[in-house]
């Protein structure tokens, strides 16, 4: 009686220790040394736990004289029926593996798809969890996510700003030309603007304004820093317009 109770208890302790090991800082050390992606580490940690628990249960069953070989053979015979019944689950698992291998995103990345937008929190066998900016948690099946275009904004090297600036029709040509040149030079000299892609051109004769087209990129992709840079650029644009005594247009007709 003691053997049948004592040995399974030892097995449970070993399984519990291995299971707990997958949730310790030891895996973080392997991640740092082997340069393993966070999402890959999380996924294989779940696989490791599943394998440990499965082996532990089989060993305990063997200790209690259950026919483990017959059970495994039975699982093999029923495998086709199980696969047909669980095809959606299997599709999600394989899609999860595809996501892991291709690595279109990592945990903590800001992604946008036709189905979801937010920050990736975790990926499991069946689904990926994304935290929306409203703080709601969205769970999306891996098979759905793997078949959608994914935009990863966290991997942008720079962030674009593009708009039209409309000035009044009574602006003299020389002043308009001076404003265009000053705006372009201001953006090129700005420390937070990518200097190699700056376009400032007088583009359109609109119904109510002479439209100057501005197209440039910030060096940062951080949303808060981006907004601060855009505000600074807007103030500098106003300064140039005030200095040249050029007015912004509003909808009107003569």
C-alpha atoms as a PDB file:
ATOM      1  CA  UNK A   1       0.000   0.000   0.000  1.00  0.00           C
ATOM      2  CA  UNK A   2       2.849   2.329   0.851  1.00  0.00           C
ATOM      3  CA  UNK A   3       4.520   1.807  -2.558  1.00  0.00           C
ATOM      4  CA  UNK A   4       1.308   2.538  -4.476  1.00  0.00           C
ATOM      5  CA  UNK A   5       0.808   5.727  -2.511  1.00  0.00           C
ATOM      6  CA  UNK A   6       4.423   6.777  -2.044  1.00  0.00           C
ATOM      7  CA  UNK A   7       5.734   6.435  -5.606  1.00  0.00           C
ATOM      8  CA  UNK A   8       2.914   8.451  -7.233  1.00  0.00           C
ATOM      9  CA  UNK A   9       3.476  11.128  -4.583  1.00  0.00           C
ATOM     10  CA  UNK A  10       7.153  11.360  -5.560  1.00  0.00           C
ATOM     11  CA  UNK A  11       6.159  11.541  -9.231  1.00  0.00           C
ATOM     12  CA  UNK A  12       3.686  14.351  -8.482  1.00  0.00           C
ATOM     13  CA  UNK A  13       6.389  16.306  -6.627  1.00  0.00           C
ATOM     14  CA  UNK A  14       8.810  15.871  -9.573  1.00  0.00           C
ATOM     15  CA  UNK A  15       6.151  16.913 -12.108  1.00  0.00           C
ATOM     16  CA  UNK A  16       5.221  19.921  -9.958  1.00  0.00           C
ATOM     17  CA  UNK A  17       8.910  20.911  -9.744  1.00  0.00           C
ATOM     18  CA  UNK A  18       9.407  20.674 -13.515  1.00  0.00           C
ATOM     19  CA  UNK A  19       6.165  22.560 -14.116  1.00  0.00           C
ATOM     20  CA  UNK A  20       7.219  25.335 -11.737  1.00  0.00           C
ATOM     21  CA  UNK A  21      10.661  25.427 -13.365  1.00  0.00           C
ATOM     22  CA  UNK A  22       9.100  26.620 -16.622  1.00  0.00           C
ATOM     23  CA  UNK A  23       7.759  29.692 -14.810  1.00  0.00           C
ATOM     24  CA  UNK A  24      10.989  30.807 -13.130  1.00  0.00           C
ATOM     25  CA  UNK A  25      13.778  33.176 -14.029  1.00  0.00           C
ATOM     26  CA  UNK A  26      15.768  30.228 -15.404  1.00  0.00           C
ATOM     27  CA  UNK A  27      13.931  30.543 -18.715  1.00  0.00           C
ATOM     28  CA  UNK A  28      14.755  34.240 -18.798  1.00  0.00           C
ATOM     29  CA  UNK A  29      18.443  33.321 -18.597  1.00  0.00           C
ATOM     30  CA  UNK A  30      18.067  30.987 -21.592  1.00  0.00           C
ATOM     31  CA  UNK A  31      16.181  33.755 -23.405  1.00  0.00           C
ATOM     32  CA  UNK A  32      19.048  36.206 -22.851  1.00  0.00           C
ATOM     33  CA  UNK A  33      21.817  33.743 -23.745  1.00  0.00           C
ATOM     34  CA  UNK A  34      20.150  32.238 -26.839  1.00  0.00           C
ATOM     35  CA  UNK A  35      18.374  35.434 -27.959  1.00  0.00           C
ATOM     36  CA  UNK A  36      14.986  33.695 -27.896  1.00  0.00           C
ATOM     37  CA  UNK A  37      11.939  35.792 -28.711  1.00  0.00           C
ATOM     38  CA  UNK A  38       9.501  36.422 -25.840  1.00  0.00           C
ATOM     39  CA  UNK A  39       6.531  34.997 -27.719  1.00  0.00           C
ATOM     40  CA  UNK A  40       8.525  31.897 -28.675  1.00  0.00           C
ATOM     41  CA  UNK A  41       9.569  31.377 -25.065  1.00  0.00           C
ATOM     42  CA  UNK A  42       5.971  31.665 -23.852  1.00  0.00           C
ATOM     43  CA  UNK A  43       4.682  29.227 -26.465  1.00  0.00           C
ATOM     44  CA  UNK A  44       7.290  26.532 -25.840  1.00  0.00           C
ATOM     45  CA  UNK A  45       6.873  26.983 -22.100  1.00  0.00           C
ATOM     46  CA  UNK A  46       3.235  25.925 -22.495  1.00  0.00           C
ATOM     47  CA  UNK A  47       4.262  22.948 -24.648  1.00  0.00           C
ATOM     48  CA  UNK A  48       6.821  21.916 -22.022  1.00  0.00           C
ATOM     49  CA  UNK A  49       4.182  22.040 -19.267  1.00  0.00           C
ATOM     50  CA  UNK A  50       1.755  19.968 -21.340  1.00  0.00           C
ATOM     51  CA  UNK A  51       4.404  17.310 -22.002  1.00  0.00           C
ATOM     52  CA  UNK A  52       5.474  17.182 -18.327  1.00  0.00           C
ATOM     53  CA  UNK A  53       1.888  16.740 -17.107  1.00  0.00           C
ATOM     54  CA  UNK A  54       1.136  14.097 -19.779  1.00  0.00           C
ATOM     55  CA  UNK A  55       4.223  12.055 -18.951  1.00  0.00           C
ATOM     56  CA  UNK A  56       3.510  12.363 -15.219  1.00  0.00           C
ATOM     57  CA  UNK A  57      -0.048  11.076 -15.658  1.00  0.00           C
ATOM     58  CA  UNK A  58       1.146   8.149 -17.798  1.00  0.00           C
ATOM     59  CA  UNK A  59       3.797   7.172 -15.240  1.00  0.00           C
ATOM     60  CA  UNK A  60       1.287   7.337 -12.370  1.00  0.00           C
ATOM     61  CA  UNK A  61      -1.166   5.251 -14.390  1.00  0.00           C
ATOM     62  CA  UNK A  62       1.587   2.682 -15.015  1.00  0.00           C
ATOM     63  CA  UNK A  63       2.340   2.579 -11.276  1.00  0.00           C
ATOM     64  CA  UNK A  64      -1.324   1.840 -10.586  1.00  0.00           C
ATOM     65  CA  UNK A  65      -1.210  -1.049 -13.110  1.00  0.00           C
ATOM     66  CA  UNK A  66      -3.293   0.584 -15.809  1.00  0.00           C
ATOM     67  CA  UNK A  67      -2.635  -0.667 -19.341  1.00  0.00           C
ATOM     68  CA  UNK A  68      -0.802   2.391 -20.641  1.00  0.00           C
ATOM     69  CA  UNK A  69       0.217   0.661 -23.898  1.00  0.00           C
ATOM     70  CA  UNK A  70      -3.401  -0.143 -24.604  1.00  0.00           C
ATOM     71  CA  UNK A  71      -4.390   3.443 -23.855  1.00  0.00           C
ATOM     72  CA  UNK A  72      -1.770   4.815 -26.266  1.00  0.00           C
ATOM     73  CA  UNK A  73      -2.852   2.299 -28.932  1.00  0.00           C
ATOM     74  CA  UNK A  74      -6.456   3.326 -28.412  1.00  0.00           C
ATOM     75  CA  UNK A  75      -5.523   6.956 -28.855  1.00  0.00           C
ATOM     76  CA  UNK A  76      -3.794   6.036 -32.107  1.00  0.00           C
ATOM     77  CA  UNK A  77      -6.874   4.214 -33.412  1.00  0.00           C
ATOM     78  CA  UNK A  78      -9.148   7.089 -32.438  1.00  0.00           C
ATOM     79  CA  UNK A  79      -6.744   9.702 -33.722  1.00  0.00           C
ATOM     80  CA  UNK A  80      -8.512  10.173 -37.055  1.00  0.00           C
ATOM     81  CA  UNK A  81     -11.909  10.652 -35.426  1.00  0.00           C
ATOM     82  CA  UNK A  82     -10.373  13.061 -32.925  1.00  0.00           C
ATOM     83  CA  UNK A  83      -8.677  15.031 -35.709  1.00  0.00           C
ATOM     84  CA  UNK A  84     -11.955  15.358 -37.617  1.00  0.00           C
ATOM     85  CA  UNK A  85     -13.829  16.407 -34.483  1.00  0.00           C
ATOM     86  CA  UNK A  86     -11.157  18.888 -33.451  1.00  0.00           C
ATOM     87  CA  UNK A  87     -10.067  20.210 -36.850  1.00  0.00           C
ATOM     88  CA  UNK A  88     -10.661  23.825 -35.797  1.00  0.00           C
ATOM     89  CA  UNK A  89      -8.529  23.329 -32.691  1.00  0.00           C
ATOM     90  CA  UNK A  90      -5.767  21.713 -34.759  1.00  0.00           C
ATOM     91  CA  UNK A  91      -6.001  24.530 -37.323  1.00  0.00           C
ATOM     92  CA  UNK A  92      -5.479  27.061 -34.542  1.00  0.00           C
ATOM     93  CA  UNK A  93      -2.518  25.102 -33.139  1.00  0.00           C
ATOM     94  CA  UNK A  94      -0.786  24.891 -36.529  1.00  0.00           C
ATOM     95  CA  UNK A  95      -1.581  28.558 -37.182  1.00  0.00           C
ATOM     96  CA  UNK A  96       0.001  29.369 -33.822  1.00  0.00           C
ATOM     97  CA  UNK A  97       3.128  27.482 -34.866  1.00  0.00           C
ATOM     98  CA  UNK A  98       3.213  29.439 -38.145  1.00  0.00           C
ATOM     99  CA  UNK A  99       2.930  32.726 -36.235  1.00  0.00           C
ATOM    100  CA  UNK A 100       5.698  31.616 -33.875  1.00  0.00           C
ATOM    101  CA  UNK A 101       8.040  30.649 -36.724  1.00  0.00           C
ATOM    102  CA  UNK A 102       7.400  33.683 -38.940  1.00  0.00           C
ATOM    103  CA  UNK A 103       7.352  36.089 -35.946  1.00  0.00           C
ATOM    104  CA  UNK A 104       5.245  38.909 -37.454  1.00  0.00           C
ATOM    105  CA  UNK A 105       5.019  40.304 -33.918  1.00  0.00           C
ATOM    106  CA  UNK A 106       6.300  39.766 -30.390  1.00  0.00           C
ATOM    107  CA  UNK A 107       4.695  40.129 -26.983  1.00  0.00           C
ATOM    108  CA  UNK A 108       4.322  43.828 -26.273  1.00  0.00           C
ATOM    109  CA  UNK A 109       4.088  44.865 -29.953  1.00  0.00           C
ATOM    110  CA  UNK A 110       1.341  47.170 -31.203  1.00  0.00           C
ATOM    111  CA  UNK A 111      -0.415  45.406 -34.112  1.00  0.00           C
ATOM    112  CA  UNK A 112      -3.343  46.220 -36.377  1.00  0.00           C
ATOM    113  CA  UNK A 113      -5.344  43.666 -38.390  1.00  0.00           C
ATOM    114  CA  UNK A 114      -8.832  43.799 -39.966  1.00  0.00           C
ATOM    115  CA  UNK A 115     -10.067  42.073 -36.782  1.00  0.00           C
ATOM    116  CA  UNK A 116      -8.124  43.666 -33.952  1.00  0.00           C
ATOM    117  CA  UNK A 117      -5.863  46.523 -32.866  1.00  0.00           C
ATOM    118  CA  UNK A 118      -3.847  46.677 -29.685  1.00  0.00           C
ATOM    119  CA  UNK A 119      -0.844  45.321 -27.790  1.00  0.00           C
ATOM    120  CA  UNK A 120      -0.034  41.599 -27.922  1.00  0.00           C
ATOM    121  CA  UNK A 121      -0.153  40.084 -24.424  1.00  0.00           C
ATOM    122  CA  UNK A 122       0.139  36.330 -25.044  1.00  0.00           C
ATOM    123  CA  UNK A 123      -0.199  33.502 -27.541  1.00  0.00           C
ATOM    124  CA  UNK A 124      -1.611  30.094 -26.577  1.00  0.00           C
ATOM    125  CA  UNK A 125      -2.262  26.850 -28.445  1.00  0.00           C
ATOM    126  CA  UNK A 126      -5.626  28.103 -29.648  1.00  0.00           C
ATOM    127  CA  UNK A 127      -5.563  31.878 -29.670  1.00  0.00           C
ATOM    128  CA  UNK A 128      -3.680  35.147 -29.306  1.00  0.00           C
ATOM    129  CA  UNK A 129      -4.653  37.687 -26.658  1.00  0.00           C
ATOM    130  CA  UNK A 130      -4.481  41.378 -27.578  1.00  0.00           C
ATOM    131  CA  UNK A 131      -5.051  44.263 -25.173  1.00  0.00           C
ATOM    132  CA  UNK A 132      -6.986  47.012 -26.971  1.00  0.00           C
ATOM    133  CA  UNK A 133      -6.301  50.674 -26.210  1.00  0.00           C
ATOM    134  CA  UNK A 134      -9.659  50.773 -24.407  1.00  0.00           C
ATOM    135  CA  UNK A 135      -8.063  48.220 -22.008  1.00  0.00           C
ATOM    136  CA  UNK A 136     -10.452  45.490 -23.140  1.00  0.00           C
ATOM    137  CA  UNK A 137      -8.870  42.072 -23.737  1.00  0.00           C
ATOM    138  CA  UNK A 138      -9.505  40.599 -27.192  1.00  0.00           C
ATOM    139  CA  UNK A 139      -8.975  36.875 -27.812  1.00  0.00           C
ATOM    140  CA  UNK A 140      -8.627  36.033 -31.498  1.00  0.00           C
ATOM    141  CA  UNK A 141      -8.205  32.484 -32.918  1.00  0.00           C
ATOM    142  CA  UNK A 142      -4.744  31.845 -34.338  1.00  0.00           C
ATOM    143  CA  UNK A 143      -6.193  30.530 -37.608  1.00  0.00           C
ATOM    144  CA  UNK A 144      -7.989  33.852 -38.133  1.00  0.00           C
ATOM    145  CA  UNK A 145      -4.920  35.911 -37.267  1.00  0.00           C
ATOM    146  CA  UNK A 146      -2.598  33.857 -39.490  1.00  0.00           C
ATOM    147  CA  UNK A 147      -4.798  34.502 -42.543  1.00  0.00           C
ATOM    148  CA  UNK A 148      -5.027  38.282 -42.107  1.00  0.00           C
ATOM    149  CA  UNK A 149      -2.624  41.068 -43.057  1.00  0.00           C
ATOM    150  CA  UNK A 150      -0.816  42.206 -39.910  1.00  0.00           C
ATOM    151  CA  UNK A 151       0.607  45.708 -39.528  1.00  0.00           C
ATOM    152  CA  UNK A 152       3.203  45.885 -36.751  1.00  0.00           C
ATOM    153  CA  UNK A 153       3.553  49.531 -35.777  1.00  0.00           C
ATOM    154  CA  UNK A 154       6.143  48.698 -33.109  1.00  0.00           C
ATOM    155  CA  UNK A 155       8.624  47.818 -35.851  1.00  0.00           C
ATOM    156  CA  UNK A 156       8.336  51.096 -37.728  1.00  0.00           C
ATOM    157  CA  UNK A 157      11.640  52.877 -38.163  1.00  0.00           C
ATOM    158  CA  UNK A 158       9.921  56.267 -38.369  1.00  0.00           C
ATOM    159  CA  UNK A 159       6.410  57.751 -38.356  1.00  0.00           C
ATOM    160  CA  UNK A 160       4.884  59.745 -41.214  1.00  0.00           C
ATOM    161  CA  UNK A 161       3.251  63.172 -41.124  1.00  0.00           C
ATOM    162  CA  UNK A 162       1.429  64.339 -44.250  1.00  0.00           C
ATOM    163  CA  UNK A 163      -1.044  67.207 -44.740  1.00  0.00           C
ATOM    164  CA  UNK A 164      -1.958  70.267 -46.834  1.00  0.00           C
ATOM    165  CA  UNK A 165      -1.495  73.815 -45.579  1.00  0.00           C
ATOM    166  CA  UNK A 166      -3.881  76.257 -47.275  1.00  0.00           C
ATOM    167  CA  UNK A 167      -2.998  79.970 -47.478  1.00  0.00           C
ATOM    168  CA  UNK A 168      -5.142  82.793 -48.837  1.00  0.00           C
ATOM    169  CA  UNK A 169      -5.302  83.673 -52.531  1.00  0.00           C
ATOM    170  CA  UNK A 170      -4.099  87.232 -51.870  1.00  0.00           C
ATOM    171  CA  UNK A 171      -0.665  85.888 -50.847  1.00  0.00           C
ATOM    172  CA  UNK A 172       1.997  87.333 -53.188  1.00  0.00           C
ATOM    173  CA  UNK A 173       4.000  84.821 -55.208  1.00  0.00           C
ATOM    174  CA  UNK A 174       7.324  85.847 -53.648  1.00  0.00           C
ATOM    175  CA  UNK A 175       5.956  85.428 -50.116  1.00  0.00           C
ATOM    176  CA  UNK A 176       4.445  82.060 -50.984  1.00  0.00           C
ATOM    177  CA  UNK A 177       7.764  80.909 -52.380  1.00  0.00           C
ATOM    178  CA  UNK A 178       9.569  82.189 -49.264  1.00  0.00           C
ATOM    179  CA  UNK A 179       7.151  80.334 -46.971  1.00  0.00           C
ATOM    180  CA  UNK A 180       7.634  77.073 -48.905  1.00  0.00           C
ATOM    181  CA  UNK A 181      11.429  77.365 -48.709  1.00  0.00           C
ATOM    182  CA  UNK A 182      11.400  78.313 -45.007  1.00  0.00           C
ATOM    183  CA  UNK A 183       9.075  75.444 -44.124  1.00  0.00           C
ATOM    184  CA  UNK A 184      11.287  72.941 -45.917  1.00  0.00           C
ATOM    185  CA  UNK A 185      14.451  74.264 -44.292  1.00  0.00           C
ATOM    186  CA  UNK A 186      12.797  74.247 -40.869  1.00  0.00           C
ATOM    187  CA  UNK A 187      11.909  70.564 -41.256  1.00  0.00           C
ATOM    188  CA  UNK A 188      15.370  69.624 -42.543  1.00  0.00           C
ATOM    189  CA  UNK A 189      17.020  71.383 -39.583  1.00  0.00           C
ATOM    190  CA  UNK A 190      14.594  69.980 -36.998  1.00  0.00           C
ATOM    191  CA  UNK A 191      16.474  67.450 -34.794  1.00  0.00           C
ATOM    192  CA  UNK A 192      13.456  65.150 -34.499  1.00  0.00           C
ATOM    193  CA  UNK A 193      12.579  65.024 -38.216  1.00  0.00           C
ATOM    194  CA  UNK A 194      14.149  62.512 -40.591  1.00  0.00           C
ATOM    195  CA  UNK A 195      16.111  64.830 -42.926  1.00  0.00           C
ATOM    196  CA  UNK A 196      16.317  62.531 -45.962  1.00  0.00           C
ATOM    197  CA  UNK A 197      12.576  62.462 -46.701  1.00  0.00           C
ATOM    198  CA  UNK A 198      11.198  65.992 -46.527  1.00  0.00           C
ATOM    199  CA  UNK A 199       8.835  67.269 -49.238  1.00  0.00           C
ATOM    200  CA  UNK A 200       7.322  70.753 -49.103  1.00  0.00           C
ATOM    201  CA  UNK A 201       5.761  72.001 -52.353  1.00  0.00           C
ATOM    202  CA  UNK A 202       3.118  74.432 -53.554  1.00  0.00           C
ATOM    203  CA  UNK A 203       0.787  71.833 -55.015  1.00  0.00           C
ATOM    204  CA  UNK A 204      -2.778  72.986 -55.646  1.00  0.00           C
ATOM    205  CA  UNK A 205      -5.020  75.899 -56.551  1.00  0.00           C
ATOM    206  CA  UNK A 206      -7.959  74.828 -54.401  1.00  0.00           C
ATOM    207  CA  UNK A 207     -11.384  76.438 -54.293  1.00  0.00           C
ATOM    208  CA  UNK A 208     -10.554  78.580 -51.268  1.00  0.00           C
ATOM    209  CA  UNK A 209      -6.793  78.392 -50.838  1.00  0.00           C
ATOM    210  CA  UNK A 210      -3.330  77.969 -52.286  1.00  0.00           C
ATOM    211  CA  UNK A 211      -2.344  74.550 -50.944  1.00  0.00           C
ATOM    212  CA  UNK A 212       1.171  73.720 -49.757  1.00  0.00           C
ATOM    213  CA  UNK A 213       1.831  69.984 -49.443  1.00  0.00           C
ATOM    214  CA  UNK A 214       4.008  68.795 -46.537  1.00  0.00           C
ATOM    215  CA  UNK A 215       5.303  65.212 -46.278  1.00  0.00           C
ATOM    216  CA  UNK A 216       7.940  64.148 -43.740  1.00  0.00           C
ATOM    217  CA  UNK A 217       8.777  61.602 -41.018  1.00  0.00           C
ATOM    218  CA  UNK A 218       9.624  61.791 -37.330  1.00  0.00           C
ATOM    219  CA  UNK A 219      12.659  59.900 -36.057  1.00  0.00           C
ATOM    220  CA  UNK A 220      10.631  58.365 -33.229  1.00  0.00           C
ATOM    221  CA  UNK A 221       7.764  55.875 -33.431  1.00  0.00           C
ATOM    222  CA  UNK A 222       6.638  56.438 -29.834  1.00  0.00           C
ATOM    223  CA  UNK A 223       3.107  57.857 -29.912  1.00  0.00           C
ATOM    224  CA  UNK A 224       3.594  60.386 -27.113  1.00  0.00           C
ATOM    225  CA  UNK A 225       6.903  61.660 -28.508  1.00  0.00           C
ATOM    226  CA  UNK A 226       5.353  61.795 -31.995  1.00  0.00           C
ATOM    227  CA  UNK A 227       2.535  64.052 -30.783  1.00  0.00           C
ATOM    228  CA  UNK A 228       5.001  66.351 -29.004  1.00  0.00           C
ATOM    229  CA  UNK A 229       7.124  66.655 -32.172  1.00  0.00           C
ATOM    230  CA  UNK A 230       4.078  67.325 -34.320  1.00  0.00           C
ATOM    231  CA  UNK A 231       2.967  70.074 -31.935  1.00  0.00           C
ATOM    232  CA  UNK A 232       6.422  71.668 -32.060  1.00  0.00           C
ATOM    233  CA  UNK A 233       6.388  71.570 -35.866  1.00  0.00           C
ATOM    234  CA  UNK A 234       2.923  73.163 -35.926  1.00  0.00           C
ATOM    235  CA  UNK A 235       4.104  76.015 -33.703  1.00  0.00           C
ATOM    236  CA  UNK A 236       7.119  76.573 -35.967  1.00  0.00           C
ATOM    237  CA  UNK A 237       4.827  76.634 -39.016  1.00  0.00           C
ATOM    238  CA  UNK A 238       2.701  79.308 -37.328  1.00  0.00           C
ATOM    239  CA  UNK A 239       5.853  81.276 -36.515  1.00  0.00           C
ATOM    240  CA  UNK A 240       6.947  81.254 -40.179  1.00  0.00           C
ATOM    241  CA  UNK A 241       3.494  82.319 -41.378  1.00  0.00           C
ATOM    242  CA  UNK A 242       3.325  85.151 -38.826  1.00  0.00           C
ATOM    243  CA  UNK A 243       6.818  86.342 -39.727  1.00  0.00           C
ATOM    244  CA  UNK A 244       5.933  86.501 -43.427  1.00  0.00           C
ATOM    245  CA  UNK A 245       2.449  87.930 -42.674  1.00  0.00           C
ATOM    246  CA  UNK A 246       0.762  85.110 -44.582  1.00  0.00           C
ATOM    247  CA  UNK A 247      -2.725  84.061 -43.489  1.00  0.00           C
ATOM    248  CA  UNK A 248      -4.273  80.618 -43.472  1.00  0.00           C
ATOM    249  CA  UNK A 249      -7.338  80.297 -45.659  1.00  0.00           C
ATOM    250  CA  UNK A 250     -10.840  79.247 -44.690  1.00  0.00           C
ATOM    251  CA  UNK A 251     -13.663  78.169 -47.028  1.00  0.00           C
ATOM    252  CA  UNK A 252     -14.828  81.226 -48.987  1.00  0.00           C
ATOM    253  CA  UNK A 253     -15.583  82.339 -52.541  1.00  0.00           C
ATOM    254  CA  UNK A 254     -15.380  85.619 -54.397  1.00  0.00           C
END
